[in-house]
Amino acid sequence: MNKGKTLLRQIICGYSTGTCLFRGQYAFEKIEDVLHNLSLLNANQSPKKKRKSRTSFTNLQLFELEKRFLYQKYVSPAVRDEIAATLGITNAQVITWFQNRRAKLKRDMEEVRRVVEGQNARDEVEEALNASTSGSWKKKLSLVSQSSLD
């Protein structure tokens, strides 16, 4: 018996219980029926759709899309159609480009925010250190740092 039939028999009859839903020759006929139906199902399935390759925009297309994005983050269907016709790309490509560009803008803004917050935190620590090291402490710290250089 091949591997598929063995597996199917284990499913029908159970792995460890030893009790079988079907007895004798009837069990094997049922297995054959199920295998036949499975092969028919696989034959009727259409092959997977091939994924569309990545679109490479020309420099001119990118320039025009970026120019439009500078003053308009969201475009209406009419404007999308106009852009698509002007640049020789599909409406779906315009939609996808604007979605991706908004996502990129969001990522860039979050990065700037993290950098600014990090810089503010460093400035606050530096100010706190300067405030706490005023007067005699500053002199002591400068002496310690000079003696460690010697």
N, C-alpha and C. Protein backbone atom coordinates (compact mmCIF):
# COMPACT_ATOMS: atom_id res chain seq x y z
N MET A 1 0.86 -1.18 0.00
CA MET A 1 0.00 0.00 0.00
C MET A 1 0.90 1.24 0.00
N ASN A 2 0.54 2.22 -0.84
CA ASN A 2 1.40 3.41 -0.90
C ASN A 2 1.16 4.31 0.31
N LYS A 3 1.99 5.34 0.42
CA LYS A 3 1.97 6.23 1.58
C LYS A 3 0.62 6.92 1.76
N GLY A 4 0.02 7.42 0.65
CA GLY A 4 -1.26 8.11 0.73
C GLY A 4 -2.36 7.21 1.26
N LYS A 5 -2.40 5.97 0.78
CA LYS A 5 -3.43 5.03 1.24
C LYS A 5 -3.22 4.69 2.71
N THR A 6 -1.97 4.55 3.10
CA THR A 6 -1.68 4.24 4.50
C THR A 6 -2.14 5.38 5.40
N LEU A 7 -1.83 6.58 5.01
CA LEU A 7 -2.23 7.75 5.79
C LEU A 7 -3.75 7.85 5.88
N LEU A 8 -4.41 7.66 4.75
CA LEU A 8 -5.86 7.74 4.73
C LEU A 8 -6.48 6.64 5.59
N ARG A 9 -5.88 5.44 5.55
CA ARG A 9 -6.39 4.33 6.38
C ARG A 9 -6.24 4.69 7.86
N GLN A 10 -5.11 5.33 8.21
CA GLN A 10 -4.91 5.74 9.60
C GLN A 10 -5.95 6.78 10.00
N ILE A 11 -6.29 7.68 9.09
CA ILE A 11 -7.29 8.70 9.40
C ILE A 11 -8.66 8.05 9.59
N ILE A 12 -9.02 7.15 8.67
CA ILE A 12 -10.34 6.50 8.76
C ILE A 12 -10.41 5.57 9.96
N CYS A 13 -9.37 4.81 10.19
CA CYS A 13 -9.42 3.79 11.23
C CYS A 13 -8.91 4.27 12.57
N GLY A 14 -8.31 5.39 12.63
CA GLY A 14 -7.78 5.89 13.90
C GLY A 14 -6.35 5.43 14.07
N TYR A 15 -5.54 6.21 14.77
CA TYR A 15 -4.13 5.90 14.90
C TYR A 15 -3.86 4.81 15.93
N SER A 16 -4.49 4.92 17.07
CA SER A 16 -4.12 3.99 18.14
C SER A 16 -5.29 3.18 18.67
N THR A 17 -6.51 3.58 18.33
CA THR A 17 -7.65 2.90 18.95
C THR A 17 -7.87 1.51 18.39
N GLY A 18 -7.50 1.30 17.14
CA GLY A 18 -7.71 -0.01 16.53
C GLY A 18 -9.14 -0.20 16.05
N THR A 19 -10.02 0.74 16.40
CA THR A 19 -11.39 0.63 15.92
C THR A 19 -11.49 1.32 14.58
N CYS A 20 -12.13 0.68 13.65
CA CYS A 20 -12.22 1.19 12.30
C CYS A 20 -13.66 1.55 12.00
N LEU A 21 -13.85 2.67 11.31
CA LEU A 21 -15.19 3.07 10.93
C LEU A 21 -15.77 2.09 9.91
N PHE A 22 -14.91 1.50 9.12
CA PHE A 22 -15.33 0.56 8.09
C PHE A 22 -14.61 -0.75 8.32
N ARG A 23 -15.22 -1.86 7.96
CA ARG A 23 -14.63 -3.17 8.19
C ARG A 23 -14.20 -3.82 6.89
N GLY A 24 -13.10 -4.58 6.96
CA GLY A 24 -12.66 -5.44 5.88
C GLY A 24 -12.47 -4.74 4.55
N GLN A 25 -12.91 -5.43 3.50
CA GLN A 25 -12.75 -4.94 2.14
C GLN A 25 -13.44 -3.60 1.95
N TYR A 26 -14.53 -3.38 2.67
CA TYR A 26 -15.29 -2.13 2.55
C TYR A 26 -14.42 -0.93 2.89
N ALA A 27 -13.52 -1.07 3.90
CA ALA A 27 -12.64 0.02 4.31
C ALA A 27 -11.73 0.41 3.15
N PHE A 28 -11.16 -0.60 2.46
CA PHE A 28 -10.26 -0.29 1.37
C PHE A 28 -11.00 0.31 0.18
N GLU A 29 -12.24 -0.12 -0.05
CA GLU A 29 -13.03 0.47 -1.12
C GLU A 29 -13.32 1.94 -0.82
N LYS A 30 -13.62 2.22 0.44
CA LYS A 30 -13.86 3.61 0.85
C LYS A 30 -12.60 4.45 0.66
N ILE A 31 -11.45 3.88 1.02
CA ILE A 31 -10.19 4.59 0.85
C ILE A 31 -9.97 4.91 -0.62
N GLU A 32 -10.22 3.93 -1.49
CA GLU A 32 -10.07 4.14 -2.93
C GLU A 32 -11.00 5.25 -3.42
N ASP A 33 -12.25 5.23 -2.92
CA ASP A 33 -13.20 6.28 -3.32
C ASP A 33 -12.72 7.66 -2.92
N VAL A 34 -12.24 7.76 -1.68
CA VAL A 34 -11.77 9.06 -1.18
C VAL A 34 -10.57 9.53 -1.99
N LEU A 35 -9.62 8.62 -2.25
CA LEU A 35 -8.45 8.98 -3.05
C LEU A 35 -8.85 9.43 -4.45
N HIS A 36 -9.80 8.74 -5.04
CA HIS A 36 -10.27 9.10 -6.38
C HIS A 36 -10.91 10.48 -6.36
N ASN A 37 -11.74 10.75 -5.36
CA ASN A 37 -12.38 12.06 -5.25
C ASN A 37 -11.34 13.17 -5.03
N LEU A 38 -10.31 12.87 -4.23
CA LEU A 38 -9.26 13.86 -4.01
C LEU A 38 -8.52 14.16 -5.30
N SER A 39 -8.23 13.13 -6.10
CA SER A 39 -7.53 13.37 -7.36
C SER A 39 -8.40 14.18 -8.31
N LEU A 40 -9.73 13.97 -8.28
CA LEU A 40 -10.62 14.76 -9.12
C LEU A 40 -10.61 16.23 -8.67
N LEU A 41 -10.60 16.44 -7.34
CA LEU A 41 -10.57 17.81 -6.84
C LEU A 41 -9.30 18.52 -7.28
N ASN A 42 -8.15 17.82 -7.16
CA ASN A 42 -6.88 18.43 -7.56
C ASN A 42 -6.85 18.73 -9.05
N ALA A 43 -7.47 17.87 -9.86
CA ALA A 43 -7.47 18.08 -11.31
C ALA A 43 -8.33 19.29 -11.68
N ASN A 44 -9.38 19.55 -10.89
CA ASN A 44 -10.28 20.67 -11.20
C ASN A 44 -9.76 22.02 -10.73
N GLN A 45 -8.75 22.01 -9.86
CA GLN A 45 -8.23 23.28 -9.36
C GLN A 45 -7.44 23.98 -10.45
N SER A 46 -7.66 25.27 -10.57
CA SER A 46 -6.91 26.03 -11.56
C SER A 46 -5.51 26.29 -11.00
N PRO A 47 -4.52 26.40 -11.88
CA PRO A 47 -3.17 26.67 -11.40
C PRO A 47 -3.11 28.04 -10.72
N LYS A 48 -2.16 28.19 -9.79
CA LYS A 48 -2.04 29.46 -9.06
C LYS A 48 -1.74 30.59 -10.03
N LYS A 49 -2.32 31.75 -9.72
CA LYS A 49 -2.08 32.92 -10.55
C LYS A 49 -0.64 33.36 -10.38
N LYS A 50 -0.03 33.76 -11.48
CA LYS A 50 1.32 34.27 -11.43
C LYS A 50 1.28 35.69 -10.89
N ARG A 51 2.14 35.98 -9.95
CA ARG A 51 2.18 37.32 -9.36
C ARG A 51 2.80 38.30 -10.34
N LYS A 52 2.22 39.49 -10.41
CA LYS A 52 2.72 40.51 -11.32
C LYS A 52 4.08 40.99 -10.83
N SER A 53 4.98 41.22 -11.75
CA SER A 53 6.32 41.66 -11.37
C SER A 53 6.26 43.12 -10.88
N ARG A 54 7.29 43.49 -10.18
CA ARG A 54 7.37 44.83 -9.61
C ARG A 54 7.44 45.88 -10.72
N THR A 55 6.69 46.95 -10.55
CA THR A 55 6.66 48.01 -11.55
C THR A 55 7.86 48.93 -11.38
N SER A 56 8.55 49.18 -12.46
CA SER A 56 9.66 50.14 -12.44
C SER A 56 9.17 51.42 -13.09
N PHE A 57 9.07 52.46 -12.28
CA PHE A 57 8.64 53.75 -12.81
C PHE A 57 9.84 54.46 -13.42
N THR A 58 9.60 55.24 -14.45
CA THR A 58 10.67 56.05 -15.04
C THR A 58 10.94 57.24 -14.13
N ASN A 59 12.08 57.89 -14.36
CA ASN A 59 12.41 59.08 -13.56
C ASN A 59 11.36 60.17 -13.74
N LEU A 60 10.87 60.34 -14.96
CA LEU A 60 9.84 61.34 -15.22
C LEU A 60 8.55 61.02 -14.45
N GLN A 61 8.14 59.75 -14.46
CA GLN A 61 6.93 59.35 -13.73
C GLN A 61 7.11 59.61 -12.23
N LEU A 62 8.27 59.22 -11.70
CA LEU A 62 8.52 59.45 -10.27
C LEU A 62 8.53 60.94 -9.93
N PHE A 63 9.14 61.72 -10.80
CA PHE A 63 9.19 63.17 -10.57
C PHE A 63 7.78 63.75 -10.50
N GLU A 64 6.93 63.37 -11.46
CA GLU A 64 5.56 63.89 -11.50
C GLU A 64 4.74 63.40 -10.31
N LEU A 65 4.91 62.14 -9.94
CA LEU A 65 4.18 61.60 -8.78
C LEU A 65 4.62 62.30 -7.49
N GLU A 66 5.93 62.47 -7.32
CA GLU A 66 6.45 63.14 -6.12
C GLU A 66 5.99 64.60 -6.08
N LYS A 67 6.00 65.26 -7.23
CA LYS A 67 5.57 66.66 -7.31
C LYS A 67 4.11 66.78 -6.86
N ARG A 68 3.27 65.88 -7.34
CA ARG A 68 1.85 65.89 -6.95
C ARG A 68 1.71 65.59 -5.46
N PHE A 69 2.52 64.66 -4.95
CA PHE A 69 2.44 64.25 -3.55
C PHE A 69 2.82 65.39 -2.60
N LEU A 70 3.71 66.27 -3.04
CA LEU A 70 4.13 67.38 -2.19
C LEU A 70 2.96 68.23 -1.72
N TYR A 71 1.99 68.45 -2.58
CA TYR A 71 0.87 69.29 -2.16
C TYR A 71 -0.45 68.55 -2.07
N GLN A 72 -0.46 67.27 -2.38
CA GLN A 72 -1.72 66.51 -2.31
C GLN A 72 -1.41 65.07 -1.93
N LYS A 73 -1.64 64.74 -0.65
CA LYS A 73 -1.33 63.39 -0.15
C LYS A 73 -2.37 62.37 -0.59
N TYR A 74 -3.59 62.82 -0.77
CA TYR A 74 -4.69 61.95 -1.22
C TYR A 74 -5.26 62.53 -2.51
N VAL A 75 -5.49 61.67 -3.50
CA VAL A 75 -6.01 62.15 -4.77
C VAL A 75 -7.38 61.54 -5.03
N SER A 76 -8.25 62.34 -5.63
CA SER A 76 -9.61 61.89 -5.95
C SER A 76 -9.55 60.95 -7.16
N PRO A 77 -10.61 60.18 -7.37
CA PRO A 77 -10.64 59.27 -8.53
C PRO A 77 -10.43 59.99 -9.86
N ALA A 78 -10.98 61.17 -10.00
CA ALA A 78 -10.81 61.92 -11.25
C ALA A 78 -9.35 62.31 -11.46
N VAL A 79 -8.72 62.77 -10.39
CA VAL A 79 -7.31 63.17 -10.47
C VAL A 79 -6.43 61.94 -10.72
N ARG A 80 -6.78 60.82 -10.07
CA ARG A 80 -6.03 59.58 -10.31
C ARG A 80 -6.08 59.19 -11.77
N ASP A 81 -7.27 59.26 -12.35
CA ASP A 81 -7.41 58.93 -13.78
C ASP A 81 -6.56 59.86 -14.64
N GLU A 82 -6.57 61.13 -14.28
CA GLU A 82 -5.78 62.11 -15.04
C GLU A 82 -4.29 61.80 -14.94
N ILE A 83 -3.82 61.52 -13.72
CA ILE A 83 -2.40 61.22 -13.52
C ILE A 83 -2.02 59.96 -14.30
N ALA A 84 -2.87 58.93 -14.19
CA ALA A 84 -2.59 57.67 -14.88
C ALA A 84 -2.50 57.88 -16.39
N ALA A 85 -3.43 58.63 -16.93
CA ALA A 85 -3.44 58.87 -18.37
C ALA A 85 -2.22 59.69 -18.80
N THR A 86 -1.89 60.71 -18.01
CA THR A 86 -0.76 61.58 -18.34
C THR A 86 0.56 60.82 -18.31
N LEU A 87 0.72 59.95 -17.29
CA LEU A 87 2.00 59.26 -17.12
C LEU A 87 2.07 57.91 -17.82
N GLY A 88 0.95 57.46 -18.36
CA GLY A 88 0.94 56.18 -19.06
C GLY A 88 1.05 54.98 -18.14
N ILE A 89 0.43 55.10 -16.97
CA ILE A 89 0.38 53.98 -16.02
C ILE A 89 -1.08 53.70 -15.68
N THR A 90 -1.33 52.60 -14.98
CA THR A 90 -2.71 52.26 -14.67
C THR A 90 -3.19 53.00 -13.43
N ASN A 91 -4.50 53.07 -13.28
CA ASN A 91 -5.12 53.68 -12.11
C ASN A 91 -4.67 52.95 -10.84
N ALA A 92 -4.60 51.62 -10.91
CA ALA A 92 -4.18 50.82 -9.75
C ALA A 92 -2.75 51.15 -9.34
N GLN A 93 -1.89 51.42 -10.32
CA GLN A 93 -0.50 51.78 -10.00
C GLN A 93 -0.44 53.12 -9.30
N VAL A 94 -1.29 54.05 -9.70
CA VAL A 94 -1.33 55.37 -9.04
C VAL A 94 -1.80 55.19 -7.60
N ILE A 95 -2.87 54.42 -7.40
CA ILE A 95 -3.39 54.17 -6.05
C ILE A 95 -2.31 53.56 -5.18
N THR A 96 -1.66 52.52 -5.70
CA THR A 96 -0.63 51.82 -4.92
C THR A 96 0.54 52.73 -4.62
N TRP A 97 0.97 53.53 -5.59
CA TRP A 97 2.10 54.43 -5.37
C TRP A 97 1.79 55.42 -4.25
N PHE A 98 0.60 56.02 -4.28
CA PHE A 98 0.24 56.98 -3.23
C PHE A 98 0.14 56.31 -1.86
N GLN A 99 -0.40 55.10 -1.81
CA GLN A 99 -0.48 54.38 -0.53
C GLN A 99 0.92 54.12 0.01
N ASN A 100 1.80 53.63 -0.85
CA ASN A 100 3.17 53.34 -0.42
C ASN A 100 3.91 54.61 -0.02
N ARG A 101 3.66 55.69 -0.73
CA ARG A 101 4.35 56.94 -0.43
C ARG A 101 3.88 57.52 0.91
N ARG A 102 2.58 57.40 1.18
CA ARG A 102 2.08 57.85 2.50
C ARG A 102 2.67 57.01 3.61
N ALA A 103 2.81 55.71 3.39
CA ALA A 103 3.41 54.83 4.40
C ALA A 103 4.87 55.21 4.64
N LYS A 104 5.59 55.52 3.55
CA LYS A 104 6.98 55.93 3.67
C LYS A 104 7.09 57.25 4.43
N LEU A 105 6.20 58.19 4.14
CA LEU A 105 6.20 59.46 4.85
C LEU A 105 5.97 59.24 6.35
N LYS A 106 5.05 58.36 6.68
CA LYS A 106 4.76 58.06 8.08
C LYS A 106 6.00 57.48 8.78
N ARG A 107 6.67 56.54 8.12
CA ARG A 107 7.89 55.95 8.68
C ARG A 107 8.97 57.01 8.88
N ASP A 108 9.14 57.87 7.88
CA ASP A 108 10.15 58.93 7.98
C ASP A 108 9.84 59.89 9.12
N MET A 109 8.56 60.25 9.27
CA MET A 109 8.18 61.17 10.35
C MET A 109 8.41 60.54 11.72
N GLU A 110 8.12 59.25 11.84
CA GLU A 110 8.37 58.56 13.12
C GLU A 110 9.86 58.52 13.43
N GLU A 111 10.68 58.32 12.41
CA GLU A 111 12.13 58.31 12.60
C GLU A 111 12.62 59.67 13.06
N VAL A 112 12.13 60.73 12.45
CA VAL A 112 12.51 62.09 12.84
C VAL A 112 12.08 62.35 14.29
N ARG A 113 10.86 61.91 14.63
CA ARG A 113 10.37 62.09 16.00
C ARG A 113 11.27 61.37 17.01
N ARG A 114 11.70 60.14 16.67
CA ARG A 114 12.57 59.40 17.58
C ARG A 114 13.92 60.09 17.74
N VAL A 115 14.45 60.61 16.65
CA VAL A 115 15.75 61.30 16.71
C VAL A 115 15.63 62.56 17.57
N VAL A 116 14.55 63.33 17.35
CA VAL A 116 14.35 64.56 18.12
C VAL A 116 14.15 64.24 19.60
N GLU A 117 13.36 63.23 19.89
CA GLU A 117 13.15 62.85 21.29
C GLU A 117 14.45 62.39 21.93
N GLY A 118 15.26 61.65 21.18
CA GLY A 118 16.57 61.21 21.69
C GLY A 118 17.48 62.39 21.96
N GLN A 119 17.49 63.36 21.05
CA GLN A 119 18.30 64.56 21.23
C GLN A 119 17.81 65.36 22.43
N ASN A 120 16.48 65.48 22.58
CA ASN A 120 15.93 66.21 23.73
C ASN A 120 16.30 65.51 25.03
N ALA A 121 16.26 64.19 25.04
CA ALA A 121 16.62 63.45 26.25
C ALA A 121 18.09 63.69 26.60
N ARG A 122 18.97 63.67 25.58
CA ARG A 122 20.40 63.93 25.83
C ARG A 122 20.60 65.35 26.36
N ASP A 123 19.87 66.31 25.78
CA ASP A 123 19.99 67.70 26.24
C ASP A 123 19.53 67.83 27.69
N GLU A 124 18.45 67.15 28.04
CA GLU A 124 17.93 67.22 29.41
C GLU A 124 18.92 66.61 30.40
N VAL A 125 19.54 65.51 30.03
CA VAL A 125 20.55 64.89 30.91
C VAL A 125 21.74 65.81 31.08
N GLU A 126 22.18 66.41 29.98
CA GLU A 126 23.31 67.33 30.04
C GLU A 126 22.99 68.54 30.93
N GLU A 127 21.78 69.09 30.78
CA GLU A 127 21.37 70.22 31.62
C GLU A 127 21.30 69.83 33.09
N ALA A 128 20.79 68.63 33.35
CA ALA A 128 20.70 68.16 34.74
C ALA A 128 22.10 67.99 35.33
N LEU A 129 23.00 67.45 34.52
CA LEU A 129 24.38 67.28 35.01
C LEU A 129 25.03 68.63 35.26
N ASN A 130 24.81 69.58 34.36
CA ASN A 130 25.39 70.92 34.55
C ASN A 130 24.82 71.59 35.79
N ALA A 131 23.52 71.42 36.03
CA ALA A 131 22.90 72.05 37.20
C ALA A 131 23.39 71.40 38.48
N SER A 132 23.59 70.10 38.46
CA SER A 132 24.00 69.42 39.69
C SER A 132 25.49 69.58 39.96
N THR A 133 26.24 69.97 38.96
CA THR A 133 27.69 70.12 39.15
C THR A 133 28.11 71.57 39.25
N SER A 134 27.19 72.41 39.71
CA SER A 134 27.53 73.82 39.84
C SER A 134 28.40 74.04 41.07
N GLY A 135 29.07 75.15 41.08
CA GLY A 135 29.85 75.57 42.24
C GLY A 135 31.05 74.67 42.49
N SER A 136 31.20 74.24 43.75
CA SER A 136 32.38 73.49 44.17
C SER A 136 32.46 72.13 43.47
N TRP A 137 31.30 71.56 43.16
CA TRP A 137 31.31 70.25 42.48
C TRP A 137 31.96 70.34 41.12
N LYS A 138 31.74 71.46 40.42
CA LYS A 138 32.36 71.63 39.11
C LYS A 138 33.88 71.65 39.24
N LYS A 139 34.37 72.37 40.26
CA LYS A 139 35.81 72.44 40.48
C LYS A 139 36.38 71.07 40.78
N LYS A 140 35.66 70.31 41.64
CA LYS A 140 36.14 68.97 42.00
C LYS A 140 36.15 68.06 40.77
N LEU A 141 35.12 68.14 39.96
CA LEU A 141 35.06 67.30 38.76
C LEU A 141 36.17 67.66 37.79
N SER A 142 36.43 68.96 37.63
CA SER A 142 37.49 69.37 36.71
C SER A 142 38.84 68.91 37.23
N LEU A 143 39.05 68.95 38.59
CA LEU A 143 40.30 68.47 39.14
C LEU A 143 40.45 66.96 38.92
N VAL A 144 39.36 66.23 39.13
CA VAL A 144 39.40 64.78 38.94
C VAL A 144 39.69 64.46 37.48
N SER A 145 39.02 65.15 36.58
CA SER A 145 39.26 64.86 35.17
C SER A 145 40.68 65.25 34.75
N GLN A 146 41.23 66.33 35.32
CA GLN A 146 42.62 66.73 34.99
C GLN A 146 43.59 65.71 35.55
N SER A 147 43.35 65.23 36.79
CA SER A 147 44.28 64.27 37.38
C SER A 147 44.24 62.93 36.66
N SER A 148 43.10 62.59 36.09
CA SER A 148 43.03 61.33 35.35
C SER A 148 43.75 61.43 34.02
N LEU A 149 43.90 62.68 33.50
CA LEU A 149 44.63 62.89 32.25
C LEU A 149 46.13 62.83 32.48
N ASP A 150 46.57 63.17 33.67
CA ASP A 150 48.02 63.19 33.97
C ASP A 150 48.61 61.83 34.08
